[in-house]
Amino acid sequence: MSESNTVERRVTLASPEETHRLGVRLGELLEPGDFVGLIGDLGAGKTHLVRGVAEGARVPRSEVASPTFAIVYPYSGRIPLYHADLYRLTGYDDLYATGFMDLVGGEGAVLVEWLDRVPEAAPREHLRLTLAHAGEDSRTLEALAFGARASTLLTAWLP
């Protein structure tokens, strides 16, 4: 995809609470068919962000769990939200066998942690978020939007 089809934003997050609040805002904006891939080392803040997204999508807090062992965890909120964790997968064939690809572009939004493990899981149009340590509690968030809908989502989320 050419550079003209991407939008990029970079922000510094001072605390886990700020990461969570940013996730809430993203969750309020998600629509069916949206795909958000998260990349970052252990402890970079992916789960804080996902919990915020789920809250913003009005998923009951008691439903939000880490899908590390289930691979994909469905949530019911304002829209269906599918939370996947690809950490334990060895490649695309493992993911395909889970039925995950049937969820992409469907009735809900899809959040994928560890997208870098199986990058081909991302559809052509998606939002890619990379979180990195920038201090004890602070993180940097680099957001790349690929495609029209992802660009609209990113510019509404991080103007």
N, C-alpha and C. Protein backbone atom coordinates (compact mmCIF):
# COMPACT_ATOMS: atom_id res chain seq x y z
N MET A 1 0.86 -1.17 0.00
CA MET A 1 0.00 0.00 0.00
C MET A 1 0.90 1.23 0.00
N SER A 2 0.59 2.20 -0.75
CA SER A 2 1.44 3.38 -0.86
C SER A 2 1.28 4.28 0.36
N GLU A 3 2.28 5.13 0.57
CA GLU A 3 2.26 6.06 1.69
C GLU A 3 1.05 6.98 1.66
N SER A 4 0.55 7.31 0.48
CA SER A 4 -0.59 8.22 0.39
C SER A 4 -1.86 7.61 0.98
N ASN A 5 -1.87 6.29 1.19
CA ASN A 5 -3.03 5.62 1.76
C ASN A 5 -2.92 5.45 3.27
N THR A 6 -1.90 6.02 3.88
CA THR A 6 -1.73 5.86 5.32
C THR A 6 -1.78 7.21 6.03
N VAL A 7 -2.26 7.15 7.26
CA VAL A 7 -2.24 8.32 8.15
C VAL A 7 -1.49 7.86 9.39
N GLU A 8 -0.67 8.74 9.95
CA GLU A 8 0.14 8.37 11.10
C GLU A 8 -0.02 9.40 12.21
N ARG A 9 -0.04 8.93 13.44
CA ARG A 9 -0.04 9.79 14.63
C ARG A 9 0.90 9.16 15.65
N ARG A 10 1.50 10.03 16.47
CA ARG A 10 2.38 9.54 17.55
C ARG A 10 2.07 10.36 18.79
N VAL A 11 1.85 9.68 19.91
CA VAL A 11 1.57 10.37 21.18
C VAL A 11 2.38 9.72 22.29
N THR A 12 2.63 10.50 23.33
CA THR A 12 3.27 9.98 24.53
C THR A 12 2.20 9.88 25.61
N LEU A 13 2.15 8.74 26.26
CA LEU A 13 1.18 8.48 27.32
C LEU A 13 1.93 8.44 28.64
N ALA A 14 1.53 9.27 29.59
CA ALA A 14 2.28 9.44 30.83
C ALA A 14 2.03 8.35 31.86
N SER A 15 0.93 7.59 31.72
CA SER A 15 0.59 6.62 32.75
C SER A 15 -0.32 5.53 32.18
N PRO A 16 -0.44 4.41 32.90
CA PRO A 16 -1.40 3.39 32.49
C PRO A 16 -2.83 3.93 32.43
N GLU A 17 -3.16 4.84 33.32
CA GLU A 17 -4.50 5.43 33.33
C GLU A 17 -4.75 6.25 32.06
N GLU A 18 -3.74 6.95 31.60
CA GLU A 18 -3.87 7.71 30.36
C GLU A 18 -4.03 6.76 29.16
N THR A 19 -3.30 5.67 29.19
CA THR A 19 -3.44 4.65 28.14
C THR A 19 -4.86 4.11 28.13
N HIS A 20 -5.38 3.83 29.30
CA HIS A 20 -6.75 3.32 29.43
C HIS A 20 -7.76 4.33 28.89
N ARG A 21 -7.62 5.60 29.27
CA ARG A 21 -8.54 6.64 28.79
C ARG A 21 -8.51 6.77 27.28
N LEU A 22 -7.33 6.67 26.70
CA LEU A 22 -7.22 6.73 25.25
C LEU A 22 -7.95 5.54 24.61
N GLY A 23 -7.84 4.38 25.26
CA GLY A 23 -8.57 3.20 24.79
C GLY A 23 -10.07 3.40 24.86
N VAL A 24 -10.56 4.02 25.93
CA VAL A 24 -12.00 4.28 26.07
C VAL A 24 -12.48 5.10 24.88
N ARG A 25 -11.74 6.13 24.54
CA ARG A 25 -12.12 7.00 23.42
C ARG A 25 -12.16 6.20 22.11
N LEU A 26 -11.20 5.33 21.89
CA LEU A 26 -11.19 4.50 20.68
C LEU A 26 -12.41 3.57 20.67
N GLY A 27 -12.72 2.98 21.81
CA GLY A 27 -13.87 2.09 21.90
C GLY A 27 -15.19 2.78 21.59
N GLU A 28 -15.28 4.05 21.93
CA GLU A 28 -16.49 4.83 21.63
C GLU A 28 -16.65 5.06 20.13
N LEU A 29 -15.55 5.03 19.39
CA LEU A 29 -15.56 5.33 17.96
C LEU A 29 -15.63 4.11 17.06
N LEU A 30 -15.34 2.93 17.59
CA LEU A 30 -15.30 1.73 16.75
C LEU A 30 -16.66 1.43 16.13
N GLU A 31 -16.59 0.91 14.92
CA GLU A 31 -17.79 0.49 14.18
C GLU A 31 -17.60 -0.94 13.71
N PRO A 32 -18.69 -1.63 13.38
CA PRO A 32 -18.56 -2.98 12.83
C PRO A 32 -17.62 -2.98 11.63
N GLY A 33 -16.76 -3.99 11.57
CA GLY A 33 -15.80 -4.12 10.48
C GLY A 33 -14.45 -3.52 10.78
N ASP A 34 -14.33 -2.69 11.82
CA ASP A 34 -13.03 -2.11 12.16
C ASP A 34 -12.08 -3.19 12.66
N PHE A 35 -10.82 -3.05 12.33
CA PHE A 35 -9.77 -3.98 12.75
C PHE A 35 -8.63 -3.15 13.34
N VAL A 36 -8.27 -3.46 14.58
CA VAL A 36 -7.19 -2.76 15.27
C VAL A 36 -6.17 -3.79 15.71
N GLY A 37 -4.94 -3.65 15.20
CA GLY A 37 -3.87 -4.54 15.58
C GLY A 37 -2.92 -3.84 16.53
N LEU A 38 -2.53 -4.53 17.61
CA LEU A 38 -1.62 -3.96 18.61
C LEU A 38 -0.31 -4.71 18.61
N ILE A 39 0.76 -3.93 18.69
CA ILE A 39 2.12 -4.47 18.71
C ILE A 39 2.85 -3.82 19.88
N GLY A 40 3.64 -4.60 20.58
CA GLY A 40 4.45 -4.06 21.67
C GLY A 40 4.98 -5.17 22.55
N ASP A 41 6.08 -4.90 23.20
CA ASP A 41 6.68 -5.88 24.10
C ASP A 41 5.76 -6.16 25.28
N LEU A 42 6.08 -7.20 26.02
CA LEU A 42 5.36 -7.48 27.26
C LEU A 42 5.43 -6.25 28.16
N GLY A 43 4.30 -5.88 28.74
CA GLY A 43 4.26 -4.74 29.64
C GLY A 43 4.20 -3.38 28.96
N ALA A 44 4.04 -3.35 27.64
CA ALA A 44 4.03 -2.08 26.91
C ALA A 44 2.70 -1.33 27.03
N GLY A 45 1.65 -2.00 27.49
CA GLY A 45 0.38 -1.32 27.68
C GLY A 45 -0.75 -1.79 26.78
N LYS A 46 -0.53 -2.86 26.04
CA LYS A 46 -1.56 -3.36 25.12
C LYS A 46 -2.84 -3.71 25.87
N THR A 47 -2.71 -4.40 26.98
CA THR A 47 -3.89 -4.83 27.73
C THR A 47 -4.61 -3.64 28.35
N HIS A 48 -3.87 -2.65 28.85
CA HIS A 48 -4.51 -1.43 29.38
C HIS A 48 -5.34 -0.77 28.29
N LEU A 49 -4.77 -0.69 27.10
CA LEU A 49 -5.48 -0.07 25.99
C LEU A 49 -6.73 -0.88 25.62
N VAL A 50 -6.59 -2.20 25.53
CA VAL A 50 -7.73 -3.05 25.16
C VAL A 50 -8.84 -2.95 26.20
N ARG A 51 -8.49 -2.94 27.48
CA ARG A 51 -9.53 -2.82 28.52
C ARG A 51 -10.26 -1.49 28.39
N GLY A 52 -9.54 -0.44 28.03
CA GLY A 52 -10.17 0.84 27.79
C GLY A 52 -11.09 0.79 26.57
N VAL A 53 -10.63 0.16 25.50
CA VAL A 53 -11.46 0.03 24.30
C VAL A 53 -12.75 -0.70 24.64
N ALA A 54 -12.64 -1.79 25.38
CA ALA A 54 -13.83 -2.56 25.76
C ALA A 54 -14.78 -1.69 26.58
N GLU A 55 -14.25 -0.91 27.50
CA GLU A 55 -15.09 -0.02 28.30
C GLU A 55 -15.79 1.01 27.40
N GLY A 56 -15.05 1.57 26.46
CA GLY A 56 -15.63 2.55 25.54
C GLY A 56 -16.69 1.96 24.64
N ALA A 57 -16.59 0.65 24.37
CA ALA A 57 -17.59 -0.04 23.55
C ALA A 57 -18.73 -0.58 24.42
N ARG A 58 -18.73 -0.19 25.68
CA ARG A 58 -19.76 -0.57 26.65
C ARG A 58 -19.84 -2.08 26.90
N VAL A 59 -18.67 -2.71 26.95
CA VAL A 59 -18.59 -4.11 27.35
C VAL A 59 -18.51 -4.12 28.87
N PRO A 60 -19.37 -4.91 29.54
CA PRO A 60 -19.28 -4.98 31.00
C PRO A 60 -17.88 -5.39 31.46
N ARG A 61 -17.36 -4.67 32.43
CA ARG A 61 -15.99 -4.91 32.92
C ARG A 61 -15.77 -6.37 33.30
N SER A 62 -16.79 -7.02 33.85
CA SER A 62 -16.67 -8.42 34.29
C SER A 62 -16.43 -9.37 33.12
N GLU A 63 -16.74 -8.97 31.89
CA GLU A 63 -16.56 -9.83 30.72
C GLU A 63 -15.14 -9.78 30.17
N VAL A 64 -14.39 -8.73 30.49
CA VAL A 64 -13.09 -8.52 29.86
C VAL A 64 -12.03 -9.40 30.52
N ALA A 65 -11.45 -10.28 29.70
CA ALA A 65 -10.43 -11.21 30.17
C ALA A 65 -9.32 -11.27 29.13
N SER A 66 -8.20 -11.82 29.52
CA SER A 66 -7.13 -12.01 28.55
C SER A 66 -7.40 -13.28 27.75
N PRO A 67 -7.40 -13.18 26.42
CA PRO A 67 -7.69 -14.36 25.61
C PRO A 67 -6.47 -15.21 25.29
N THR A 68 -5.40 -15.10 26.08
CA THR A 68 -4.15 -15.77 25.75
C THR A 68 -4.34 -17.25 25.48
N PHE A 69 -5.20 -17.92 26.25
CA PHE A 69 -5.37 -19.35 26.05
C PHE A 69 -6.52 -19.67 25.12
N ALA A 70 -7.50 -18.79 25.01
CA ALA A 70 -8.64 -19.02 24.13
C ALA A 70 -8.38 -18.52 22.71
N ILE A 71 -7.35 -17.75 22.48
CA ILE A 71 -6.96 -17.09 21.23
C ILE A 71 -7.92 -15.94 20.91
N VAL A 72 -9.22 -16.21 20.81
CA VAL A 72 -10.19 -15.16 20.52
C VAL A 72 -11.28 -15.18 21.59
N TYR A 73 -11.56 -13.99 22.11
CA TYR A 73 -12.59 -13.87 23.14
C TYR A 73 -13.64 -12.87 22.66
N PRO A 74 -14.90 -13.29 22.57
CA PRO A 74 -15.96 -12.37 22.12
C PRO A 74 -16.54 -11.58 23.29
N TYR A 75 -16.83 -10.32 23.06
CA TYR A 75 -17.47 -9.48 24.06
C TYR A 75 -18.76 -8.91 23.46
N SER A 76 -19.75 -8.73 24.30
CA SER A 76 -21.01 -8.10 23.88
C SER A 76 -21.07 -6.72 24.48
N GLY A 77 -21.20 -5.72 23.62
CA GLY A 77 -21.30 -4.34 24.06
C GLY A 77 -22.17 -3.57 23.10
N ARG A 78 -21.83 -2.32 22.90
CA ARG A 78 -22.54 -1.48 21.93
C ARG A 78 -22.49 -2.13 20.55
N ILE A 79 -21.38 -2.74 20.23
CA ILE A 79 -21.21 -3.58 19.03
C ILE A 79 -20.48 -4.83 19.50
N PRO A 80 -20.56 -5.94 18.75
CA PRO A 80 -19.73 -7.09 19.10
C PRO A 80 -18.25 -6.70 18.99
N LEU A 81 -17.48 -7.17 19.95
CA LEU A 81 -16.05 -6.87 19.98
C LEU A 81 -15.32 -8.20 20.14
N TYR A 82 -14.38 -8.46 19.26
CA TYR A 82 -13.61 -9.70 19.31
C TYR A 82 -12.17 -9.36 19.65
N HIS A 83 -11.69 -9.93 20.75
CA HIS A 83 -10.35 -9.64 21.26
C HIS A 83 -9.50 -10.89 21.05
N ALA A 84 -8.47 -10.77 20.25
CA ALA A 84 -7.59 -11.91 19.96
C ALA A 84 -6.20 -11.64 20.50
N ASP A 85 -5.54 -12.70 20.91
CA ASP A 85 -4.17 -12.63 21.38
C ASP A 85 -3.39 -13.69 20.60
N LEU A 86 -2.46 -13.24 19.77
CA LEU A 86 -1.73 -14.15 18.89
C LEU A 86 -0.38 -14.58 19.44
N TYR A 87 -0.11 -14.26 20.69
CA TYR A 87 1.21 -14.51 21.28
C TYR A 87 1.66 -15.95 21.14
N ARG A 88 0.75 -16.89 21.37
CA ARG A 88 1.13 -18.31 21.39
C ARG A 88 1.05 -19.00 20.02
N LEU A 89 0.68 -18.28 19.00
CA LEU A 89 0.56 -18.90 17.68
C LEU A 89 1.91 -18.94 16.97
N THR A 90 2.07 -19.94 16.11
CA THR A 90 3.33 -20.07 15.39
C THR A 90 3.24 -19.56 13.96
N GLY A 91 2.02 -19.26 13.49
CA GLY A 91 1.89 -18.75 12.14
C GLY A 91 0.44 -18.66 11.70
N TYR A 92 0.26 -18.29 10.45
CA TYR A 92 -1.06 -18.05 9.90
C TYR A 92 -1.93 -19.31 9.93
N ASP A 93 -1.37 -20.47 9.67
CA ASP A 93 -2.16 -21.70 9.66
C ASP A 93 -2.81 -21.95 11.02
N ASP A 94 -2.08 -21.68 12.11
CA ASP A 94 -2.66 -21.83 13.45
C ASP A 94 -3.86 -20.91 13.63
N LEU A 95 -3.73 -19.68 13.17
CA LEU A 95 -4.81 -18.71 13.31
C LEU A 95 -6.00 -19.09 12.44
N TYR A 96 -5.73 -19.49 11.23
CA TYR A 96 -6.80 -19.85 10.29
C TYR A 96 -7.65 -20.98 10.87
N ALA A 97 -7.01 -21.93 11.52
CA ALA A 97 -7.72 -23.09 12.09
C ALA A 97 -8.69 -22.69 13.20
N THR A 98 -8.53 -21.50 13.78
CA THR A 98 -9.42 -21.07 14.87
C THR A 98 -10.73 -20.50 14.35
N GLY A 99 -10.83 -20.21 13.07
CA GLY A 99 -12.02 -19.56 12.52
C GLY A 99 -11.96 -18.04 12.64
N PHE A 100 -10.83 -17.53 13.09
CA PHE A 100 -10.65 -16.10 13.30
C PHE A 100 -10.96 -15.29 12.05
N MET A 101 -10.55 -15.77 10.90
CA MET A 101 -10.70 -14.99 9.67
C MET A 101 -12.17 -14.74 9.33
N ASP A 102 -13.06 -15.58 9.84
CA ASP A 102 -14.50 -15.37 9.62
C ASP A 102 -15.01 -14.12 10.34
N LEU A 103 -14.29 -13.67 11.37
CA LEU A 103 -14.70 -12.50 12.15
C LEU A 103 -14.28 -11.18 11.50
N VAL A 104 -13.21 -11.23 10.72
CA VAL A 104 -12.65 -10.02 10.12
C VAL A 104 -13.62 -9.46 9.08
N GLY A 105 -13.94 -8.17 9.25
CA GLY A 105 -14.85 -7.50 8.33
C GLY A 105 -16.31 -7.83 8.57
N GLY A 106 -16.59 -8.45 9.69
CA GLY A 106 -17.95 -8.89 9.98
C GLY A 106 -18.75 -7.89 10.79
N GLU A 107 -19.64 -8.41 11.62
CA GLU A 107 -20.61 -7.61 12.36
C GLU A 107 -20.01 -6.85 13.54
N GLY A 108 -18.79 -7.18 13.90
CA GLY A 108 -18.17 -6.53 15.05
C GLY A 108 -16.83 -5.93 14.70
N ALA A 109 -16.20 -5.34 15.71
CA ALA A 109 -14.84 -4.83 15.58
C ALA A 109 -13.88 -5.88 16.14
N VAL A 110 -12.68 -5.92 15.60
CA VAL A 110 -11.68 -6.91 16.00
C VAL A 110 -10.46 -6.19 16.55
N LEU A 111 -10.03 -6.61 17.76
CA LEU A 111 -8.81 -6.11 18.39
C LEU A 111 -7.83 -7.27 18.48
N VAL A 112 -6.62 -7.09 17.99
CA VAL A 112 -5.66 -8.18 17.96
C VAL A 112 -4.37 -7.75 18.65
N GLU A 113 -4.05 -8.44 19.76
CA GLU A 113 -2.76 -8.22 20.40
C GLU A 113 -1.73 -9.12 19.75
N TRP A 114 -0.49 -8.64 19.67
CA TRP A 114 0.63 -9.37 19.08
C TRP A 114 0.42 -9.58 17.58
N LEU A 115 -0.09 -8.57 16.89
CA LEU A 115 -0.30 -8.67 15.45
C LEU A 115 1.01 -8.97 14.72
N ASP A 116 2.14 -8.55 15.27
CA ASP A 116 3.42 -8.80 14.62
C ASP A 116 3.76 -10.29 14.55
N ARG A 117 3.10 -11.12 15.36
CA ARG A 117 3.32 -12.57 15.30
C ARG A 117 2.74 -13.18 14.02
N VAL A 118 1.59 -12.64 13.58
CA VAL A 118 0.93 -13.12 12.37
C VAL A 118 0.42 -11.90 11.60
N PRO A 119 1.33 -11.12 11.01
CA PRO A 119 0.93 -9.87 10.37
C PRO A 119 -0.07 -10.05 9.23
N GLU A 120 -0.06 -11.21 8.59
CA GLU A 120 -1.00 -11.45 7.50
C GLU A 120 -2.44 -11.63 7.99
N ALA A 121 -2.65 -11.61 9.29
CA ALA A 121 -4.00 -11.65 9.85
C ALA A 121 -4.73 -10.33 9.63
N ALA A 122 -3.99 -9.26 9.44
CA ALA A 122 -4.61 -7.94 9.26
C ALA A 122 -5.18 -7.81 7.85
N PRO A 123 -6.40 -7.30 7.76
CA PRO A 123 -6.95 -7.03 6.43
C PRO A 123 -6.22 -5.84 5.81
N ARG A 124 -6.46 -5.60 4.56
CA ARG A 124 -5.82 -4.49 3.84
C ARG A 124 -6.07 -3.16 4.54
N GLU A 125 -7.30 -2.94 5.00
CA GLU A 125 -7.63 -1.70 5.73
C GLU A 125 -7.67 -2.01 7.23
N HIS A 126 -6.79 -1.36 7.96
CA HIS A 126 -6.75 -1.58 9.41
C HIS A 126 -5.99 -0.46 10.11
N LEU A 127 -6.13 -0.44 11.42
CA LEU A 127 -5.41 0.49 12.28
C LEU A 127 -4.37 -0.33 13.03
N ARG A 128 -3.09 0.08 12.93
CA ARG A 128 -2.01 -0.62 13.61
C ARG A 128 -1.44 0.28 14.69
N LEU A 129 -1.46 -0.19 15.91
CA LEU A 129 -0.99 0.57 17.06
C LEU A 129 0.24 -0.11 17.65
N THR A 130 1.33 0.64 17.76
CA THR A 130 2.55 0.11 18.35
C THR A 130 2.83 0.88 19.63
N LEU A 131 2.89 0.15 20.73
CA LEU A 131 3.18 0.74 22.05
C LEU A 131 4.61 0.37 22.43
N ALA A 132 5.33 1.34 22.99
CA ALA A 132 6.71 1.11 23.42
C ALA A 132 6.97 1.81 24.74
N HIS A 133 7.83 1.21 25.54
CA HIS A 133 8.23 1.81 26.82
C HIS A 133 8.96 3.13 26.54
N ALA A 134 8.62 4.16 27.33
CA ALA A 134 9.29 5.46 27.20
C ALA A 134 9.71 5.97 28.58
N GLY A 135 9.74 5.09 29.54
CA GLY A 135 10.05 5.42 30.92
C GLY A 135 9.35 4.43 31.82
N GLU A 136 9.44 4.65 33.13
CA GLU A 136 8.85 3.69 34.07
C GLU A 136 7.36 3.48 33.83
N ASP A 137 6.59 4.55 33.75
CA ASP A 137 5.15 4.44 33.53
C ASP A 137 4.72 4.97 32.16
N SER A 138 5.58 5.70 31.49
CA SER A 138 5.17 6.32 30.22
C SER A 138 5.41 5.40 29.04
N ARG A 139 4.61 5.61 28.01
CA ARG A 139 4.68 4.83 26.79
C ARG A 139 4.54 5.76 25.59
N THR A 140 5.08 5.34 24.46
CA THR A 140 4.77 6.03 23.21
C THR A 140 3.81 5.14 22.44
N LEU A 141 2.90 5.79 21.76
CA LEU A 141 1.95 5.10 20.91
C LEU A 141 2.12 5.63 19.50
N GLU A 142 2.46 4.74 18.59
CA GLU A 142 2.52 5.10 17.17
C GLU A 142 1.33 4.43 16.50
N ALA A 143 0.51 5.23 15.85
CA ALA A 143 -0.70 4.72 15.19
C ALA A 143 -0.57 4.92 13.69
N LEU A 144 -0.78 3.86 12.95
CA LEU A 144 -0.77 3.90 11.49
C LEU A 144 -2.12 3.41 10.99
N ALA A 145 -2.74 4.19 10.15
CA ALA A 145 -4.03 3.81 9.57
C ALA A 145 -3.81 3.47 8.11
N PHE A 146 -4.29 2.32 7.71
CA PHE A 146 -4.21 1.87 6.33
C PHE A 146 -5.62 1.82 5.77
N GLY A 147 -5.91 2.65 4.78
CA GLY A 147 -7.23 2.66 4.15
C GLY A 147 -8.11 3.78 4.66
N ALA A 148 -9.21 4.00 3.94
CA ALA A 148 -10.09 5.14 4.21
C ALA A 148 -10.76 5.07 5.57
N ARG A 149 -11.39 3.94 5.92
CA ARG A 149 -12.10 3.86 7.20
C ARG A 149 -11.13 3.98 8.36
N ALA A 150 -10.00 3.29 8.27
CA ALA A 150 -9.01 3.37 9.36
C ALA A 150 -8.47 4.79 9.50
N SER A 151 -8.29 5.48 8.40
CA SER A 151 -7.82 6.88 8.45
C SER A 151 -8.86 7.78 9.10
N THR A 152 -10.12 7.58 8.77
CA THR A 152 -11.20 8.35 9.39
C THR A 152 -11.24 8.07 10.89
N LEU A 153 -11.11 6.80 11.26
CA LEU A 153 -11.12 6.42 12.67
C LEU A 153 -9.95 7.08 13.41
N LEU A 154 -8.76 7.00 12.84
CA LEU A 154 -7.58 7.56 13.49
C LEU A 154 -7.67 9.07 13.65
N THR A 155 -8.11 9.77 12.63
CA THR A 155 -8.18 11.23 12.73
C THR A 155 -9.29 11.68 13.69
N ALA A 156 -10.33 10.88 13.86
CA ALA A 156 -11.36 11.19 14.87
C ALA A 156 -10.84 10.90 16.27
N TRP A 157 -10.02 9.86 16.40
CA TRP A 157 -9.50 9.43 17.69
C TRP A 157 -8.35 10.32 18.16
N LEU A 158 -7.41 10.57 17.27
CA LEU A 158 -6.23 11.39 17.60
C LEU A 158 -6.12 12.52 16.56
N PRO A 159 -6.93 13.56 16.73
CA PRO A 159 -6.97 14.65 15.72
C PRO A 159 -5.61 15.31 15.49
